[in-house]
Structure formats: C-alpha cells, structure tokens
Amino acid sequence: MKSFACGDVVPGCEARWVCSTDDEILVNVGAHAASTHGLTEFPVDLVQSVRRAIVPVS
C-alpha cells in the first residue's frame, strides 16, 4: 500500500489517499487537483513532486 497527503505538495490541503499503487494515487490526486484546486493541466514538475511525496504504508 502507498500513501499520499496533498498537504505535502499544497500547504494547507488536508486531503489524503491510501491506495495499492502509485498510479492509483495519481489518478485520485489528478481528479482532486482538478475539482478542488482548479488545475486543468499538470506540469511535469508537479507530477514529480507528487511522486516524491508518495510513501509506503507500514
């Protein structure tokens, strides 16, 4: 399992996910970024920041 907290990339955001894979987290984060943060494009540096903030759940 993997975990991601949006607040690690966007200070103040409380959204969190626990999913089976990085790709599953990215799909959920993309939908969240569009609906909550109003993003319509996802720059490479943003995606890299999200990937770096994904951690294994112990």
PDB file of N, CA and C in Angstrom:
ATOM      1  N   MET A   1       0.845  -1.181   0.000  1.00  0.00           N
ATOM      2  CA  MET A   1       0.000   0.000   0.000  1.00  0.00           C
ATOM      3  C   MET A   1       0.893   1.249   0.000  1.00  0.00           C
ATOM      4  N   LYS A   2       0.348   2.310  -0.573  1.00  0.00           N
ATOM      5  CA  LYS A   2       1.048   3.586  -0.662  1.00  0.00           C
ATOM      6  C   LYS A   2       0.142   4.685  -0.111  1.00  0.00           C
ATOM      7  N   SER A   3       0.765   5.766   0.351  1.00  0.00           N
ATOM      8  CA  SER A   3       0.013   6.876   0.925  1.00  0.00           C
ATOM      9  C   SER A   3       0.529   8.194   0.342  1.00  0.00           C
ATOM     10  N   PHE A   4      -0.405   9.144   0.196  1.00  0.00           N
ATOM     11  CA  PHE A   4      -0.042  10.482  -0.251  1.00  0.00           C
ATOM     12  C   PHE A   4      -0.923  11.489   0.472  1.00  0.00           C
ATOM     13  N   ALA A   5      -0.297  12.567   0.950  1.00  0.00           N
ATOM     14  CA  ALA A   5      -1.021  13.677   1.583  1.00  0.00           C
ATOM     15  C   ALA A   5      -0.841  14.899   0.701  1.00  0.00           C
ATOM     16  N   CYS A   6      -1.918  15.462   0.216  1.00  0.00           N
ATOM     17  CA  CYS A   6      -1.855  16.630  -0.664  1.00  0.00           C
ATOM     18  C   CYS A   6      -1.115  17.790   0.003  1.00  0.00           C
ATOM     19  N   GLY A   7      -1.263  17.917   1.311  1.00  0.00           N
ATOM     20  CA  GLY A   7      -0.605  18.986   2.048  1.00  0.00           C
ATOM     21  C   GLY A   7       0.911  18.950   1.955  1.00  0.00           C
ATOM     22  N   ASP A   8       1.478  17.808   1.563  1.00  0.00           N
ATOM     23  CA  ASP A   8       2.927  17.722   1.358  1.00  0.00           C
ATOM     24  C   ASP A   8       3.363  18.489   0.116  1.00  0.00           C
ATOM     25  N   VAL A   9       2.422  18.752  -0.781  1.00  0.00           N
ATOM     26  CA  VAL A   9       2.707  19.479  -2.021  1.00  0.00           C
ATOM     27  C   VAL A   9       1.986  20.833  -2.027  1.00  0.00           C
ATOM     28  N   VAL A  10       0.761  20.855  -1.509  1.00  0.00           N
ATOM     29  CA  VAL A  10      -0.045  22.075  -1.447  1.00  0.00           C
ATOM     30  C   VAL A  10      -0.309  22.387   0.026  1.00  0.00           C
ATOM     31  N   PRO A  11       0.483  23.272   0.612  1.00  0.00           N
ATOM     32  CA  PRO A  11       0.325  23.569   2.036  1.00  0.00           C
ATOM     33  C   PRO A  11      -1.118  23.952   2.389  1.00  0.00           C
ATOM     34  N   GLY A  12      -1.592  23.346   3.480  1.00  0.00           N
ATOM     35  CA  GLY A  12      -2.929  23.644   3.957  1.00  0.00           C
ATOM     36  C   GLY A  12      -4.007  22.690   3.487  1.00  0.00           C
ATOM     37  N   CYS A  13      -3.722  21.888   2.465  1.00  0.00           N
ATOM     38  CA  CYS A  13      -4.725  20.934   1.983  1.00  0.00           C
ATOM     39  C   CYS A  13      -4.686  19.696   2.882  1.00  0.00           C
ATOM     40  N   GLU A  14      -5.846  19.250   3.306  1.00  0.00           N
ATOM     41  CA  GLU A  14      -5.948  18.126   4.233  1.00  0.00           C
ATOM     42  C   GLU A  14      -6.247  16.785   3.556  1.00  0.00           C
ATOM     43  N   ALA A  15      -6.373  16.761   2.224  1.00  0.00           N
ATOM     44  CA  ALA A  15      -6.731  15.528   1.514  1.00  0.00           C
ATOM     45  C   ALA A  15      -5.616  14.498   1.612  1.00  0.00           C
ATOM     46  N   ARG A  16      -6.011  13.237   1.781  1.00  0.00           N
ATOM     47  CA  ARG A  16      -5.052  12.122   1.883  1.00  0.00           C
ATOM     48  C   ARG A  16      -5.623  10.899   1.175  1.00  0.00           C
ATOM     49  N   TRP A  17      -4.725  10.084   0.647  1.00  0.00           N
ATOM     50  CA  TRP A  17      -5.127   8.840  -0.010  1.00  0.00           C
ATOM     51  C   TRP A  17      -4.225   7.714   0.431  1.00  0.00           C
ATOM     52  N   VAL A  18      -4.796   6.528   0.502  1.00  0.00           N
ATOM     53  CA  VAL A  18      -4.046   5.291   0.670  1.00  0.00           C
ATOM     54  C   VAL A  18      -4.555   4.367  -0.421  1.00  0.00           C
ATOM     55  N   CYS A  19      -3.650   3.951  -1.297  1.00  0.00           N
ATOM     56  CA  CYS A  19      -4.017   3.139  -2.453  1.00  0.00           C
ATOM     57  C   CYS A  19      -3.001   2.014  -2.632  1.00  0.00           C
ATOM     58  N   SER A  20      -3.312   1.106  -3.530  1.00  0.00           N
ATOM     59  CA  SER A  20      -2.433  -0.030  -3.780  1.00  0.00           C
ATOM     60  C   SER A  20      -1.176   0.350  -4.549  1.00  0.00           C
ATOM     61  N   THR A  21      -1.302   1.306  -5.482  1.00  0.00           N
ATOM     62  CA  THR A  21      -0.174   1.639  -6.350  1.00  0.00           C
ATOM     63  C   THR A  21      -0.006   3.147  -6.487  1.00  0.00           C
ATOM     64  N   ASP A  22       1.189   3.542  -6.943  1.00  0.00           N
ATOM     65  CA  ASP A  22       1.440   4.950  -7.245  1.00  0.00           C
ATOM     66  C   ASP A  22       0.470   5.456  -8.296  1.00  0.00           C
ATOM     67  N   ASP A  23       0.237   4.645  -9.323  1.00  0.00           N
ATOM     68  CA  ASP A  23      -0.652   5.071 -10.405  1.00  0.00           C
ATOM     69  C   ASP A  23      -2.077   5.315  -9.910  1.00  0.00           C
ATOM     70  N   GLU A  24      -2.536   4.490  -9.005  1.00  0.00           N
ATOM     71  CA  GLU A  24      -3.876   4.678  -8.439  1.00  0.00           C
ATOM     72  C   GLU A  24      -3.939   5.993  -7.660  1.00  0.00           C
ATOM     73  N   ILE A  25      -2.886   6.284  -6.910  1.00  0.00           N
ATOM     74  CA  ILE A  25      -2.832   7.562  -6.198  1.00  0.00           C
ATOM     75  C   ILE A  25      -2.853   8.712  -7.188  1.00  0.00           C
ATOM     76  N   LEU A  26      -2.061   8.617  -8.261  1.00  0.00           N
ATOM     77  CA  LEU A  26      -2.000   9.701  -9.245  1.00  0.00           C
ATOM     78  C   LEU A  26      -3.357   9.970  -9.887  1.00  0.00           C
ATOM     79  N   VAL A  27      -4.123   8.936 -10.166  1.00  0.00           N
ATOM     80  CA  VAL A  27      -5.466   9.117 -10.740  1.00  0.00           C
ATOM     81  C   VAL A  27      -6.348   9.888  -9.758  1.00  0.00           C
ATOM     82  N   ASN A  28      -6.331   9.487  -8.500  1.00  0.00           N
ATOM     83  CA  ASN A  28      -7.148  10.157  -7.482  1.00  0.00           C
ATOM     84  C   ASN A  28      -6.689  11.593  -7.240  1.00  0.00           C
ATOM     85  N   VAL A  29      -5.384  11.796  -7.198  1.00  0.00           N
ATOM     86  CA  VAL A  29      -4.839  13.130  -6.974  1.00  0.00           C
ATOM     87  C   VAL A  29      -5.164  14.039  -8.158  1.00  0.00           C
ATOM     88  N   GLY A  30      -5.110  13.504  -9.372  1.00  0.00           N
ATOM     89  CA  GLY A  30      -5.458  14.296 -10.549  1.00  0.00           C
ATOM     90  C   GLY A  30      -6.896  14.789 -10.497  1.00  0.00           C
ATOM     91  N   ALA A  31      -7.804  13.902 -10.112  1.00  0.00           N
ATOM     92  CA  ALA A  31      -9.215  14.289 -10.000  1.00  0.00           C
ATOM     93  C   ALA A  31      -9.388  15.337  -8.895  1.00  0.00           C
ATOM     94  N   HIS A  32      -8.705  15.148  -7.787  1.00  0.00           N
ATOM     95  CA  HIS A  32      -8.760  16.098  -6.670  1.00  0.00           C
ATOM     96  C   HIS A  32      -8.189  17.456  -7.080  1.00  0.00           C
ATOM     97  N   ALA A  33      -7.044  17.437  -7.761  1.00  0.00           N
ATOM     98  CA  ALA A  33      -6.399  18.686  -8.184  1.00  0.00           C
ATOM     99  C   ALA A  33      -7.304  19.486  -9.104  1.00  0.00           C
ATOM    100  N   ALA A  34      -8.037  18.789  -9.962  1.00  0.00           N
ATOM    101  CA  ALA A  34      -8.949  19.469 -10.882  1.00  0.00           C
ATOM    102  C   ALA A  34     -10.166  20.020 -10.137  1.00  0.00           C
ATOM    103  N   SER A  35     -10.789  19.189  -9.301  1.00  0.00           N
ATOM    104  CA  SER A  35     -12.036  19.614  -8.660  1.00  0.00           C
ATOM    105  C   SER A  35     -11.825  20.567  -7.485  1.00  0.00           C
ATOM    106  N   THR A  36     -10.776  20.374  -6.717  1.00  0.00           N
ATOM    107  CA  THR A  36     -10.570  21.182  -5.515  1.00  0.00           C
ATOM    108  C   THR A  36      -9.646  22.370  -5.754  1.00  0.00           C
ATOM    109  N   HIS A  37      -8.584  22.136  -6.533  1.00  0.00           N
ATOM    110  CA  HIS A  37      -7.580  23.178  -6.726  1.00  0.00           C
ATOM    111  C   HIS A  37      -7.697  23.884  -8.081  1.00  0.00           C
ATOM    112  N   GLY A  38      -8.651  23.441  -8.911  1.00  0.00           N
ATOM    113  CA  GLY A  38      -8.911  24.109 -10.181  1.00  0.00           C
ATOM    114  C   GLY A  38      -7.855  23.920 -11.248  1.00  0.00           C
ATOM    115  N   LEU A  39      -7.010  22.901 -11.106  1.00  0.00           N
ATOM    116  CA  LEU A  39      -5.969  22.670 -12.111  1.00  0.00           C
ATOM    117  C   LEU A  39      -6.555  21.990 -13.343  1.00  0.00           C
ATOM    118  N   THR A  40      -6.194  22.489 -14.499  1.00  0.00           N
ATOM    119  CA  THR A  40      -6.621  21.874 -15.752  1.00  0.00           C
ATOM    120  C   THR A  40      -5.443  21.234 -16.464  1.00  0.00           C
ATOM    121  N   GLU A  41      -4.230  21.602 -16.060  1.00  0.00           N
ATOM    122  CA  GLU A  41      -3.015  20.998 -16.603  1.00  0.00           C
ATOM    123  C   GLU A  41      -2.143  20.576 -15.439  1.00  0.00           C
ATOM    124  N   PHE A  42      -1.340  19.546 -15.666  1.00  0.00           N
ATOM    125  CA  PHE A  42      -0.485  19.010 -14.622  1.00  0.00           C
ATOM    126  C   PHE A  42       0.956  19.029 -15.098  1.00  0.00           C
ATOM    127  N   PRO A  43       1.680  20.107 -14.780  1.00  0.00           N
ATOM    128  CA  PRO A  43       3.067  20.219 -15.222  1.00  0.00           C
ATOM    129  C   PRO A  43       3.924  19.065 -14.698  1.00  0.00           C
ATOM    130  N   VAL A  44       4.947  18.743 -15.450  1.00  0.00           N
ATOM    131  CA  VAL A  44       5.837  17.633 -15.099  1.00  0.00           C
ATOM    132  C   VAL A  44       6.412  17.817 -13.696  1.00  0.00           C
ATOM    133  N   ASP A  45       6.793  19.035 -13.339  1.00  0.00           N
ATOM    134  CA  ASP A  45       7.381  19.245 -12.012  1.00  0.00           C
ATOM    135  C   ASP A  45       6.375  18.981 -10.897  1.00  0.00           C
ATOM    136  N   LEU A  46       5.103  19.248 -11.124  1.00  0.00           N
ATOM    137  CA  LEU A  46       4.065  18.960 -10.137  1.00  0.00           C
ATOM    138  C   LEU A  46       3.897  17.448  -9.975  1.00  0.00           C
ATOM    139  N   VAL A  47       3.835  16.741 -11.089  1.00  0.00           N
ATOM    140  CA  VAL A  47       3.697  15.281 -11.038  1.00  0.00           C
ATOM    141  C   VAL A  47       4.901  14.669 -10.323  1.00  0.00           C
ATOM    142  N   GLN A  48       6.091  15.184 -10.587  1.00  0.00           N
ATOM    143  CA  GLN A  48       7.294  14.686  -9.914  1.00  0.00           C
ATOM    144  C   GLN A  48       7.233  14.948  -8.414  1.00  0.00           C
ATOM    145  N   SER A  49       6.726  16.112  -8.028  1.00  0.00           N
ATOM    146  CA  SER A  49       6.585  16.426  -6.599  1.00  0.00           C
ATOM    147  C   SER A  49       5.619  15.467  -5.922  1.00  0.00           C
ATOM    148  N   VAL A  50       4.527  15.166  -6.605  1.00  0.00           N
ATOM    149  CA  VAL A  50       3.552  14.199  -6.052  1.00  0.00           C
ATOM    150  C   VAL A  50       4.209  12.837  -5.919  1.00  0.00           C
ATOM    151  N   ARG A  51       4.889  12.392  -6.962  1.00  0.00           N
ATOM    152  CA  ARG A  51       5.545  11.064  -6.924  1.00  0.00           C
ATOM    153  C   ARG A  51       6.550  10.971  -5.764  1.00  0.00           C
ATOM    154  N   ARG A  52       7.312  12.043  -5.548  1.00  0.00           N
ATOM    155  CA  ARG A  52       8.311  12.046  -4.464  1.00  0.00           C
ATOM    156  C   ARG A  52       7.647  11.994  -3.085  1.00  0.00           C
ATOM    157  N   ALA A  53       6.420  12.497  -2.981  1.00  0.00           N
ATOM    158  CA  ALA A  53       5.721  12.545  -1.692  1.00  0.00           C
ATOM    159  C   ALA A  53       4.920  11.274  -1.390  1.00  0.00           C
ATOM    160  N   ILE A  54       4.849  10.350  -2.339  1.00  0.00           N
ATOM    161  CA  ILE A  54       4.160   9.079  -2.100  1.00  0.00           C
ATOM    162  C   ILE A  54       5.075   8.199  -1.244  1.00  0.00           C
ATOM    163  N   VAL A  55       4.523   7.674  -0.172  1.00  0.00           N
ATOM    164  CA  VAL A  55       5.316   6.850   0.745  1.00  0.00           C
ATOM    165  C   VAL A  55       4.639   5.499   0.975  1.00  0.00           C
ATOM    166  N   PRO A  56       5.442   4.480   1.251  1.00  0.00           N
ATOM    167  CA  PRO A  56       4.856   3.169   1.584  1.00  0.00           C
ATOM    168  C   PRO A  56       4.143   3.243   2.934  1.00  0.00           C
ATOM    169  N   VAL A  57       3.055   2.497   3.038  1.00  0.00           N
ATOM    170  CA  VAL A  57       2.325   2.390   4.296  1.00  0.00           C
ATOM    171  C   VAL A  57       2.846   1.147   5.019  1.00  0.00           C
ATOM    172  N   SER A  58       3.246   1.328   6.259  1.00  0.00           N
ATOM    173  CA  SER A  58       3.782   0.171   7.003  1.00  0.00           C
ATOM    174  C   SER A  58       2.740  -0.446   7.898  1.00  0.00           C
TER     175      SER A  58
END
